[in-house]
């Protein structure tokens, strides 16, 4: 009983979080301010389960809900989790006695010559009923380590599901933001093309009147063609974004009509969650998955160690036999046996020894993989924080450029009404305004997408996502 209470191999303990207090040198900025908007990292703000609702667009909300309902990758991950849970339940059966029953009927011709007798052979019927039960005493905890490994693999698959949930939601929001920006860019580009066409018309009139050279006409025609060449590229990106949304929502592109939104309909979240480094390793699905795989590798060391040690199996067999079904219960046909079996490996050609070494090497590899996953997670958060800082600076500059272009156009229109400038200058200023609008759209979209990246980098509030955290726990805790 004392031996049965032990389990060889290492007892797994969660790796401690990195001993740092910040993601960036000098703690980094906590507020990202651009003209008309600012974002602040706040310790009292947590990542909501439905973090995408912070962008204030119901069309985005409904599209994410559709994707989380019928995405093929998510359904596959859910099935894989159920598979891992059933494997754990099946593996837990190893803790119980194994019982079996057998019934048989045979007609035989028995030859006494096998026993050295000269009696004539006889033909007879034999009916049998038997039952057996066996129990392997888990002296070294090999079975417990085996089930422990299955539970860790179940946990790893659960975090795969959570990571898929987070990735799908992030991809939907990012794609809809990009598609909205491309739509607005297409509108602005078409307006610019119309302005250049008007400039071409005025330049042609001046050239025919001899007040300007035809070179100005050719220059404007080249500008018009260049702008027109950008439209197919934008339209292609917008169409492909629609196809991606169809795939994410589990729909064929031919059966999908992508929802239309404008970038101006998307709200930039003002209060962002501020996660400390010690929390990050406890809430990112990829880090937790890597930790679960490390746990599974640790359990395999115990399994391989136990395989090198003696095993004891207790068994009991009982049976009834008779020459006819009616005679099967007669005393002379009863049989039973009780046995204890001890098996110890003596020489396996190094198989068990090196099997244990291989399990130890796999554990070291899993430990370093965990460390690399943590490093990558911290680097991703740091990258996003830098991106938000520089996004704010870029958007601020683009906002000032847009305001300057609007003011320049306003002044030129006033001069045009006073008769001091011609209409061509108005068209040129209007075109510059549209270029500034396109640049502003690109900067605003980038800032929104990097905000999405922050939610994803911090773990995305997946705690309430599909898959839950309780499935299969009863099997692991029962043993």
Protein backbone atom coordinates (compact mmCIF):
# COMPACT_ATOMS: atom_id res chain seq x y z
CA UNK A 1 0.00 0.00 0.00
CA UNK A 2 2.90 2.35 0.67
CA UNK A 3 4.40 1.56 -2.72
CA UNK A 4 1.05 2.16 -4.45
CA UNK A 5 1.00 5.69 -3.04
CA UNK A 6 4.10 6.80 -4.98
CA UNK A 7 4.55 7.79 -8.60
CA UNK A 8 7.93 7.85 -10.26
CA UNK A 9 8.96 10.69 -12.54
CA UNK A 10 8.85 14.45 -11.96
CA UNK A 11 5.83 16.10 -10.35
CA UNK A 12 4.84 18.91 -12.69
CA UNK A 13 4.71 22.48 -11.44
CA UNK A 14 3.71 25.46 -13.54
CA UNK A 15 6.66 27.52 -14.78
CA UNK A 16 6.85 30.84 -12.94
CA UNK A 17 6.11 34.01 -14.95
CA UNK A 18 9.07 36.13 -16.09
CA UNK A 19 10.36 38.45 -13.39
CA UNK A 20 9.66 41.72 -15.18
CA UNK A 21 7.22 44.52 -14.46
CA UNK A 22 6.73 45.96 -17.95
CA UNK A 23 6.74 44.99 -21.60
CA UNK A 24 8.80 47.98 -22.80
CA UNK A 25 11.99 49.61 -21.51
CA UNK A 26 11.14 52.38 -19.09
CA UNK A 27 7.59 50.98 -18.83
CA UNK A 28 6.66 52.65 -22.14
CA UNK A 29 3.79 55.07 -22.81
CA UNK A 30 0.39 54.58 -21.21
CA UNK A 31 -1.51 57.07 -23.35
CA UNK A 32 -1.55 57.29 -27.15
CA UNK A 33 -2.92 60.65 -28.27
CA UNK A 34 -3.78 61.83 -31.77
CA UNK A 35 -5.77 64.87 -32.85
CA UNK A 36 -9.34 64.34 -31.74
CA UNK A 37 -8.74 60.93 -30.13
CA UNK A 38 -6.65 59.33 -27.43
CA UNK A 39 -6.24 55.84 -26.05
CA UNK A 40 -5.19 55.08 -22.49
CA UNK A 41 -3.96 51.85 -20.94
CA UNK A 42 -5.86 51.36 -17.70
CA UNK A 43 -5.19 48.74 -15.04
CA UNK A 44 -8.88 48.73 -14.02
CA UNK A 45 -9.98 47.72 -17.53
CA UNK A 46 -9.98 44.02 -18.39
CA UNK A 47 -10.30 42.34 -21.76
CA UNK A 48 -13.98 41.60 -22.26
CA UNK A 49 -15.10 38.29 -23.68
CA UNK A 50 -16.81 40.22 -26.48
CA UNK A 51 -13.97 42.73 -26.89
CA UNK A 52 -14.93 43.49 -30.50
CA UNK A 53 -18.05 45.31 -29.28
CA UNK A 54 -15.70 48.08 -28.08
CA UNK A 55 -15.48 49.24 -31.72
CA UNK A 56 -19.10 50.34 -31.57
CA UNK A 57 -20.33 48.78 -34.83
CA UNK A 58 -23.23 46.35 -34.77
CA UNK A 59 -22.43 45.02 -38.24
CA UNK A 60 -19.00 43.93 -36.99
CA UNK A 61 -20.63 42.39 -33.90
CA UNK A 62 -23.10 40.32 -35.92
CA UNK A 63 -20.44 39.17 -38.38
CA UNK A 64 -18.18 37.99 -35.56
CA UNK A 65 -21.12 36.14 -34.01
CA UNK A 66 -21.78 34.42 -37.35
CA UNK A 67 -18.14 33.38 -37.63
CA UNK A 68 -18.02 32.00 -34.08
CA UNK A 69 -21.14 29.97 -34.81
CA UNK A 70 -20.26 28.18 -38.03
CA UNK A 71 -16.55 28.55 -38.75
CA UNK A 72 -15.12 25.25 -40.00
CA UNK A 73 -11.83 25.62 -38.12
CA UNK A 74 -13.70 26.29 -34.89
CA UNK A 75 -16.01 23.30 -35.37
CA UNK A 76 -12.97 21.14 -36.09
CA UNK A 77 -11.23 22.36 -32.93
CA UNK A 78 -14.37 21.61 -30.90
CA UNK A 79 -14.46 18.07 -32.30
CA UNK A 80 -10.76 17.63 -31.50
CA UNK A 81 -11.43 18.74 -27.92
CA UNK A 82 -14.25 16.21 -27.56
CA UNK A 83 -11.90 13.57 -28.98
CA UNK A 84 -9.25 14.44 -26.37
CA UNK A 85 -11.86 14.35 -23.58
CA UNK A 86 -13.07 10.91 -24.69
CA UNK A 87 -9.47 9.68 -24.87
CA UNK A 88 -9.02 10.84 -21.27
CA UNK A 89 -12.17 9.05 -20.14
CA UNK A 90 -11.08 5.91 -21.97
CA UNK A 91 -7.60 6.07 -20.46
CA UNK A 92 -9.03 6.45 -16.94
CA UNK A 93 -10.45 2.94 -17.23
CA UNK A 94 -6.97 1.60 -16.55
CA UNK A 95 -7.48 2.29 -12.82
CA UNK A 96 -10.26 -0.28 -12.51
CA UNK A 97 -10.18 -4.10 -12.53
CA UNK A 98 -10.59 -5.65 -15.96
CA UNK A 99 -13.35 -8.26 -16.06
CA UNK A 100 -14.51 -10.49 -18.92
CA UNK A 101 -16.89 -13.39 -19.48
CA UNK A 102 -16.90 -16.14 -22.04
CA UNK A 103 -19.34 -18.83 -23.13
CA UNK A 104 -18.56 -21.64 -25.56
CA UNK A 105 -19.97 -24.81 -27.07
CA UNK A 106 -17.83 -27.44 -28.86
CA UNK A 107 -18.09 -30.97 -30.20
CA UNK A 108 -14.80 -32.80 -29.99
CA UNK A 109 -13.20 -36.14 -30.83
CA UNK A 110 -10.73 -36.95 -28.12
CA UNK A 111 -7.88 -39.40 -28.72
CA UNK A 112 -6.58 -41.15 -25.52
CA UNK A 113 -3.30 -41.83 -27.35
CA UNK A 114 -2.27 -38.33 -26.29
CA UNK A 115 -2.20 -39.65 -22.73
CA UNK A 116 -0.53 -42.98 -23.64
CA UNK A 117 -3.79 -44.92 -23.40
CA UNK A 118 -4.97 -47.57 -25.92
CA UNK A 119 -8.65 -46.87 -25.28
CA UNK A 120 -10.73 -46.14 -28.37
CA UNK A 121 -11.27 -42.48 -29.19
CA UNK A 122 -14.55 -40.88 -28.08
CA UNK A 123 -16.72 -38.07 -29.39
CA UNK A 124 -18.39 -35.74 -26.89
CA UNK A 125 -19.96 -32.30 -26.46
CA UNK A 126 -18.50 -29.64 -24.16
CA UNK A 127 -20.33 -26.55 -22.94
CA UNK A 128 -18.41 -23.95 -20.92
CA UNK A 129 -19.04 -20.73 -19.01
CA UNK A 130 -16.14 -18.79 -17.56
CA UNK A 131 -15.34 -15.39 -16.04
CA UNK A 132 -12.04 -13.72 -15.29
CA UNK A 133 -10.95 -10.59 -13.49
CA UNK A 134 -7.50 -9.02 -13.31
CA UNK A 135 -6.05 -5.96 -11.67
CA UNK A 136 -2.64 -4.41 -12.29
CA UNK A 137 -1.31 -2.80 -9.13
CA UNK A 138 0.03 0.62 -10.07
CA UNK A 139 3.11 0.30 -7.87
CA UNK A 140 5.15 3.03 -9.51
CA UNK A 141 2.38 5.30 -10.68
CA UNK A 142 2.92 4.59 -14.38
CA UNK A 143 -0.83 4.44 -14.99
CA UNK A 144 -1.37 7.65 -13.05
CA UNK A 145 1.30 9.39 -15.09
CA UNK A 146 -0.29 8.05 -18.28
CA UNK A 147 -3.71 9.50 -17.39
CA UNK A 148 -2.03 12.69 -16.18
CA UNK A 149 -0.51 13.02 -19.65
CA UNK A 150 -3.91 12.47 -21.28
CA UNK A 151 -5.40 15.20 -19.09
CA UNK A 152 -2.60 17.57 -20.11
CA UNK A 153 -3.18 16.76 -23.77
CA UNK A 154 -6.88 17.48 -23.23
CA UNK A 155 -5.95 20.85 -21.75
CA UNK A 156 -3.66 21.59 -24.69
CA UNK A 157 -6.48 20.88 -27.13
CA UNK A 158 -8.81 23.12 -25.14
CA UNK A 159 -6.34 25.98 -25.53
CA UNK A 160 -6.09 25.22 -29.25
CA UNK A 161 -9.85 25.80 -29.37
CA UNK A 162 -9.51 29.04 -27.43
CA UNK A 163 -6.72 30.22 -29.73
CA UNK A 164 -8.87 29.42 -32.77
CA UNK A 165 -11.75 31.38 -31.25
CA UNK A 166 -9.48 34.38 -30.67
CA UNK A 167 -7.88 34.19 -34.12
CA UNK A 168 -11.21 33.98 -35.93
CA UNK A 169 -12.69 36.94 -34.06
CA UNK A 170 -9.54 39.01 -34.70
CA UNK A 171 -9.48 38.11 -38.39
CA UNK A 172 -13.12 39.07 -38.85
CA UNK A 173 -12.69 42.47 -37.18
CA UNK A 174 -9.43 43.18 -39.03
CA UNK A 175 -10.91 42.18 -42.37
CA UNK A 176 -14.01 44.32 -41.90
CA UNK A 177 -11.88 47.34 -40.93
CA UNK A 178 -9.66 46.85 -43.99
CA UNK A 179 -12.67 46.38 -46.26
CA UNK A 180 -14.29 49.55 -44.89
CA UNK A 181 -11.08 51.52 -45.48
CA UNK A 182 -10.76 50.22 -49.04
CA UNK A 183 -14.36 51.14 -49.76
CA UNK A 184 -13.77 54.70 -48.52
CA UNK A 185 -10.50 54.88 -50.48
CA UNK A 186 -12.33 53.77 -53.63
CA UNK A 187 -14.91 56.54 -53.14
CA UNK A 188 -12.18 59.15 -52.57
CA UNK A 189 -10.18 57.91 -55.57
CA UNK A 190 -13.22 58.06 -57.84
CA UNK A 191 -13.82 61.64 -56.74
CA UNK A 192 -10.18 62.47 -57.48
CA UNK A 193 -10.50 60.92 -60.95
CA UNK A 194 -13.53 63.09 -61.66
CA UNK A 195 -11.58 66.17 -60.57
CA UNK A 196 -8.63 65.27 -62.81
CA UNK A 197 -10.98 64.66 -65.73
CA UNK A 198 -12.32 68.17 -65.25
CA UNK A 199 -8.74 69.45 -65.11
CA UNK A 200 -7.99 67.65 -68.38
CA UNK A 201 -11.04 69.24 -69.99
CA UNK A 202 -10.02 72.75 -68.89
CA UNK A 203 -6.41 72.16 -69.98
CA UNK A 204 -7.58 71.01 -73.44
CA UNK A 205 -9.72 74.15 -73.80
CA UNK A 206 -6.72 76.31 -72.90
CA UNK A 207 -4.43 74.40 -75.25
CA UNK A 208 -6.86 74.83 -78.17
CA UNK A 209 -7.18 78.52 -77.31
CA UNK A 210 -3.39 78.85 -77.33
CA UNK A 211 -3.19 80.07 -73.74
CA UNK A 212 -1.42 76.92 -72.49
CA UNK A 213 0.81 74.20 -73.93
CA UNK A 214 -0.47 70.77 -74.78
CA UNK A 215 2.16 69.34 -72.43
CA UNK A 216 -0.10 70.24 -69.50
CA UNK A 217 -2.88 68.15 -71.07
CA UNK A 218 -0.62 65.11 -71.42
CA UNK A 219 0.61 65.47 -67.83
CA UNK A 220 -2.94 65.55 -66.51
CA UNK A 221 -3.97 62.61 -68.71
CA UNK A 222 -1.07 60.62 -67.25
CA UNK A 223 -2.21 61.53 -63.72
CA UNK A 224 -5.75 60.43 -64.58
CA UNK A 225 -4.58 57.07 -65.96
CA UNK A 226 -2.40 56.52 -62.88
CA UNK A 227 -5.34 57.13 -60.58
CA UNK A 228 -7.61 54.88 -62.65
CA UNK A 229 -4.98 52.12 -62.42
CA UNK A 230 -5.25 52.15 -58.61
CA UNK A 231 -8.98 51.42 -58.67
CA UNK A 232 -8.77 47.77 -59.86
CA UNK A 233 -6.20 47.03 -57.15
CA UNK A 234 -8.46 48.50 -54.47
CA UNK A 235 -11.51 46.72 -55.87
CA UNK A 236 -9.59 43.42 -55.93
CA UNK A 237 -8.53 43.80 -52.30
CA UNK A 238 -12.07 44.68 -51.29
CA UNK A 239 -13.53 41.68 -53.17
CA UNK A 240 -10.94 39.30 -51.69
CA UNK A 241 -11.71 40.63 -48.22
CA UNK A 242 -15.34 39.72 -48.85
CA UNK A 243 -14.29 36.19 -49.84
CA UNK A 244 -12.24 35.90 -46.65
CA UNK A 245 -15.23 36.97 -44.58
CA UNK A 246 -17.34 34.32 -46.32
CA UNK A 247 -14.75 31.67 -45.44
CA UNK A 248 -14.53 32.85 -41.84
CA UNK A 249 -18.31 32.64 -41.43
CA UNK A 250 -18.45 29.16 -42.95
CA UNK A 251 -20.13 30.26 -46.18
CA UNK A 252 -19.28 29.82 -49.85
CA UNK A 253 -18.34 33.12 -51.55
CA UNK A 254 -21.12 32.68 -54.11
CA UNK A 255 -23.63 32.48 -51.26
CA UNK A 256 -22.24 35.42 -49.30
CA UNK A 257 -22.97 39.09 -49.50
CA UNK A 258 -20.40 40.96 -47.43
CA UNK A 259 -21.89 43.69 -45.20
CA UNK A 260 -20.93 47.24 -46.09
CA UNK A 261 -19.62 49.67 -43.51
CA UNK A 262 -17.62 52.88 -43.61
CA UNK A 263 -14.48 53.42 -41.60
CA UNK A 264 -16.21 56.45 -40.07
CA UNK A 265 -18.78 54.03 -38.57
CA UNK A 266 -16.08 52.30 -36.48
CA UNK A 267 -15.27 53.75 -33.05
CA UNK A 268 -11.73 53.70 -31.72
CA UNK A 269 -11.75 52.21 -28.18
CA UNK A 270 -10.53 54.85 -25.74
CA UNK A 271 -9.85 52.74 -22.62
CA UNK A 272 -7.54 49.80 -23.29
CA UNK A 273 -6.71 46.96 -20.87
CA UNK A 274 -3.35 47.17 -19.17
CA UNK A 275 -2.09 43.66 -18.44
CA UNK A 276 0.97 43.05 -16.30
CA UNK A 277 3.52 40.50 -17.56
CA UNK A 278 2.72 37.99 -14.81
CA UNK A 279 -0.90 37.88 -16.00
CA UNK A 280 -0.06 37.45 -19.66
CA UNK A 281 1.32 33.92 -19.27
CA UNK A 282 -1.87 32.91 -17.47
CA UNK A 283 -4.31 34.18 -20.08
CA UNK A 284 -2.80 33.75 -23.56
CA UNK A 285 -4.07 30.52 -25.16
CA UNK A 286 -0.82 29.79 -27.01
CA UNK A 287 1.24 30.09 -23.81
CA UNK A 288 -1.22 27.90 -21.89
CA UNK A 289 -1.21 25.35 -24.70
CA UNK A 290 2.58 25.21 -24.59
CA UNK A 291 2.42 24.81 -20.81
CA UNK A 292 -0.04 21.92 -21.15
CA UNK A 293 2.25 20.20 -23.67
CA UNK A 294 5.13 20.65 -21.22
CA UNK A 295 2.96 18.96 -18.57
CA UNK A 296 2.24 16.08 -20.94
CA UNK A 297 5.97 15.67 -21.64
CA UNK A 298 6.67 15.62 -17.89
CA UNK A 299 4.08 12.86 -17.39
CA UNK A 300 5.67 10.79 -20.16
CA UNK A 301 8.94 10.75 -18.20
CA UNK A 302 7.06 9.05 -15.35
CA UNK A 303 5.45 6.55 -17.74
CA UNK A 304 8.83 5.64 -19.23
CA UNK A 305 10.42 5.32 -15.77
CA UNK A 306 7.65 3.03 -14.48
CA UNK A 307 8.07 0.78 -17.51
CA UNK A 308 11.58 -0.09 -16.26
CA UNK A 309 10.30 -1.39 -12.89
CA UNK A 310 8.53 -4.63 -11.84
CA UNK A 311 4.75 -4.93 -12.21
CA UNK A 312 2.36 -7.03 -10.13
CA UNK A 313 -0.93 -8.29 -11.58
CA UNK A 314 -3.62 -10.06 -9.54
CA UNK A 315 -6.07 -12.31 -11.39
CA UNK A 316 -8.93 -14.71 -10.71
CA UNK A 317 -10.65 -17.12 -13.11
CA UNK A 318 -13.72 -19.26 -12.54
CA UNK A 319 -15.62 -21.55 -14.89
CA UNK A 320 -18.29 -24.19 -15.37
CA UNK A 321 -18.31 -26.98 -17.94
CA UNK A 322 -20.52 -29.92 -18.83
CA UNK A 323 -21.34 -32.41 -21.52
CA UNK A 324 -24.74 -30.77 -21.98
CA UNK A 325 -26.31 -27.41 -21.10
CA UNK A 326 -28.25 -29.12 -18.29
CA UNK A 327 -25.09 -30.62 -16.80
CA UNK A 328 -23.08 -27.43 -16.84
CA UNK A 329 -23.82 -26.66 -13.20
CA UNK A 330 -22.65 -30.01 -11.83
CA UNK A 331 -19.92 -29.89 -9.21
CA UNK A 332 -17.46 -31.95 -11.19
CA UNK A 333 -17.43 -29.29 -13.94
CA UNK A 334 -16.49 -26.40 -11.68
CA UNK A 335 -13.03 -24.83 -11.85
CA UNK A 336 -11.28 -21.73 -10.50
CA UNK A 337 -7.87 -20.21 -9.99
CA UNK A 338 -6.32 -17.28 -8.13
CA UNK A 339 -2.96 -15.93 -9.22
CA UNK A 340 -0.47 -13.20 -8.59
CA UNK A 341 2.03 -12.40 -11.31
CA UNK A 342 5.23 -10.43 -10.96
CA UNK A 343 6.94 -9.32 -14.17
CA UNK A 344 10.22 -7.45 -14.23
CA UNK A 345 12.18 -6.46 -17.32
CA UNK A 346 15.69 -7.90 -17.22
CA UNK A 347 17.19 -7.20 -20.62
CA UNK A 348 15.52 -5.25 -23.41
CA UNK A 349 18.56 -4.26 -25.45
CA UNK A 350 18.45 -0.72 -24.06
CA UNK A 351 14.89 -0.12 -25.28
CA UNK A 352 13.47 0.91 -21.91
CA UNK A 353 16.55 2.86 -20.84
CA UNK A 354 16.74 4.90 -23.98
CA UNK A 355 12.97 5.22 -24.06
CA UNK A 356 13.26 7.04 -20.74
CA UNK A 357 16.12 9.15 -22.08
CA UNK A 358 13.99 10.04 -25.10
CA UNK A 359 11.13 11.10 -22.79
CA UNK A 360 13.56 13.29 -20.82
CA UNK A 361 14.87 14.85 -24.04
CA UNK A 362 11.28 15.51 -25.16
CA UNK A 363 10.64 17.24 -21.86
CA UNK A 364 13.65 19.52 -22.34
CA UNK A 365 12.46 20.33 -25.88
CA UNK A 366 8.94 21.10 -24.58
CA UNK A 367 10.41 23.31 -21.85
CA UNK A 368 12.38 25.35 -24.36
CA UNK A 369 9.35 25.54 -26.65
CA UNK A 370 7.39 26.96 -23.75
CA UNK A 371 10.12 29.51 -23.10
CA UNK A 372 10.16 30.52 -26.77
CA UNK A 373 6.37 30.87 -26.79
CA UNK A 374 6.55 33.20 -23.78
CA UNK A 375 9.31 35.25 -25.43
CA UNK A 376 7.25 35.55 -28.62
CA UNK A 377 4.17 36.57 -26.62
CA UNK A 378 6.04 39.33 -24.79
CA UNK A 379 7.59 40.53 -28.05
CA UNK A 380 4.17 40.66 -29.70
CA UNK A 381 2.72 42.78 -26.90
CA UNK A 382 5.74 45.10 -27.04
CA UNK A 383 5.41 45.40 -30.84
CA UNK A 384 1.73 46.32 -30.54
CA UNK A 385 2.41 48.93 -27.86
CA UNK A 386 5.06 50.52 -30.07
CA UNK A 387 2.64 50.36 -33.02
CA UNK A 388 -0.09 52.14 -31.08
CA UNK A 389 2.34 54.87 -30.06
CA UNK A 390 3.54 55.50 -33.61
CA UNK A 391 0.04 55.05 -35.05
CA UNK A 392 -1.10 57.94 -32.86
CA UNK A 393 1.78 60.10 -34.10
CA UNK A 394 1.12 59.20 -37.73
CA UNK A 395 -2.63 59.78 -37.45
CA UNK A 396 -2.00 63.11 -35.72
CA UNK A 397 0.24 64.20 -38.61
CA UNK A 398 -2.29 63.03 -41.21
CA UNK A 399 -5.08 64.81 -39.35
CA UNK A 400 -3.11 68.06 -39.43
CA UNK A 401 -2.33 67.54 -43.12
CA UNK A 402 -6.02 66.95 -43.84
CA UNK A 403 -6.98 70.10 -41.92
CA UNK A 404 -4.36 72.11 -43.85
CA UNK A 405 -5.68 70.80 -47.18
CA UNK A 406 -9.24 71.69 -46.18
CA UNK A 407 -8.16 75.20 -45.16
CA UNK A 408 -6.19 75.66 -48.39
CA UNK A 409 -9.23 74.71 -50.45
CA UNK A 410 -11.44 77.07 -48.42
CA UNK A 411 -9.07 79.98 -49.02
CA UNK A 412 -8.76 79.22 -52.74
CA UNK A 413 -12.52 79.13 -53.10
CA UNK A 414 -12.71 82.55 -51.44
CA UNK A 415 -10.03 83.84 -53.86
CA UNK A 416 -11.93 82.28 -56.78
CA UNK A 417 -15.09 84.13 -55.78
CA UNK A 418 -12.99 87.30 -55.63
CA UNK A 419 -11.65 86.57 -59.12
CA UNK A 420 -7.97 86.30 -58.14
CA UNK A 421 -7.50 82.58 -59.01
CA UNK A 422 -8.86 80.40 -61.78
CA UNK A 423 -10.97 77.26 -61.49
CA UNK A 424 -8.06 74.95 -62.35
CA UNK A 425 -6.34 75.87 -59.10
CA UNK A 426 -9.52 74.98 -57.23
CA UNK A 427 -9.52 71.55 -58.85
CA UNK A 428 -5.86 71.00 -57.98
CA UNK A 429 -6.46 71.91 -54.32
CA UNK A 430 -9.53 69.68 -54.25
CA UNK A 431 -7.42 66.79 -55.55
CA UNK A 432 -4.82 67.39 -52.85
CA UNK A 433 -7.59 67.32 -50.27
CA UNK A 434 -8.75 63.93 -51.52
CA UNK A 435 -5.17 62.62 -51.39
CA UNK A 436 -4.95 63.80 -47.78
CA UNK A 437 -8.25 62.03 -47.06
CA UNK A 438 -6.89 58.75 -48.48
CA UNK A 439 -3.72 59.05 -46.39
CA UNK A 440 -5.85 59.76 -43.31
CA UNK A 441 -8.02 56.70 -44.01
CA UNK A 442 -4.95 54.48 -44.23
CA UNK A 443 -3.56 55.83 -40.95
CA UNK A 444 -6.92 55.51 -39.17
CA UNK A 445 -7.40 51.92 -40.41
CA UNK A 446 -3.91 50.99 -39.27
CA UNK A 447 -4.58 52.36 -35.79
CA UNK A 448 -7.84 50.42 -35.54
CA UNK A 449 -6.17 47.20 -36.69
CA UNK A 450 -3.32 47.62 -34.23
CA UNK A 451 -5.92 48.06 -31.49
CA UNK A 452 -7.38 44.71 -32.55
CA UNK A 453 -3.85 43.30 -32.38
CA UNK A 454 -3.55 44.51 -28.77
CA UNK A 455 -6.70 42.64 -27.72
CA UNK A 456 -5.37 39.52 -29.46
CA UNK A 457 -1.87 39.88 -27.98
CA UNK A 458 -3.32 40.12 -24.45
CA UNK A 459 -5.30 36.91 -24.86
CA UNK A 460 -8.51 38.37 -26.21
CA UNK A 461 -10.78 37.73 -23.24
CA UNK A 462 -11.23 34.14 -24.36
CA UNK A 463 -12.14 32.96 -20.83
CA UNK A 464 -15.82 32.96 -21.67
CA UNK A 465 -15.37 31.61 -25.18
CA UNK A 466 -16.68 28.34 -26.57
CA UNK A 467 -15.20 25.19 -25.16
CA UNK A 468 -15.31 26.33 -21.55
CA UNK A 469 -12.88 25.29 -18.86
CA UNK A 470 -14.72 22.53 -17.09
CA UNK A 471 -15.17 19.83 -19.71
CA UNK A 472 -13.46 16.62 -18.68
CA UNK A 473 -12.26 17.95 -15.33
CA UNK A 474 -14.20 15.32 -13.40
CA UNK A 475 -12.23 12.47 -14.99
CA UNK A 476 -8.88 14.02 -14.13
CA UNK A 477 -9.82 14.90 -10.57
CA UNK A 478 -11.33 11.50 -9.80
CA UNK A 479 -7.90 9.91 -9.96
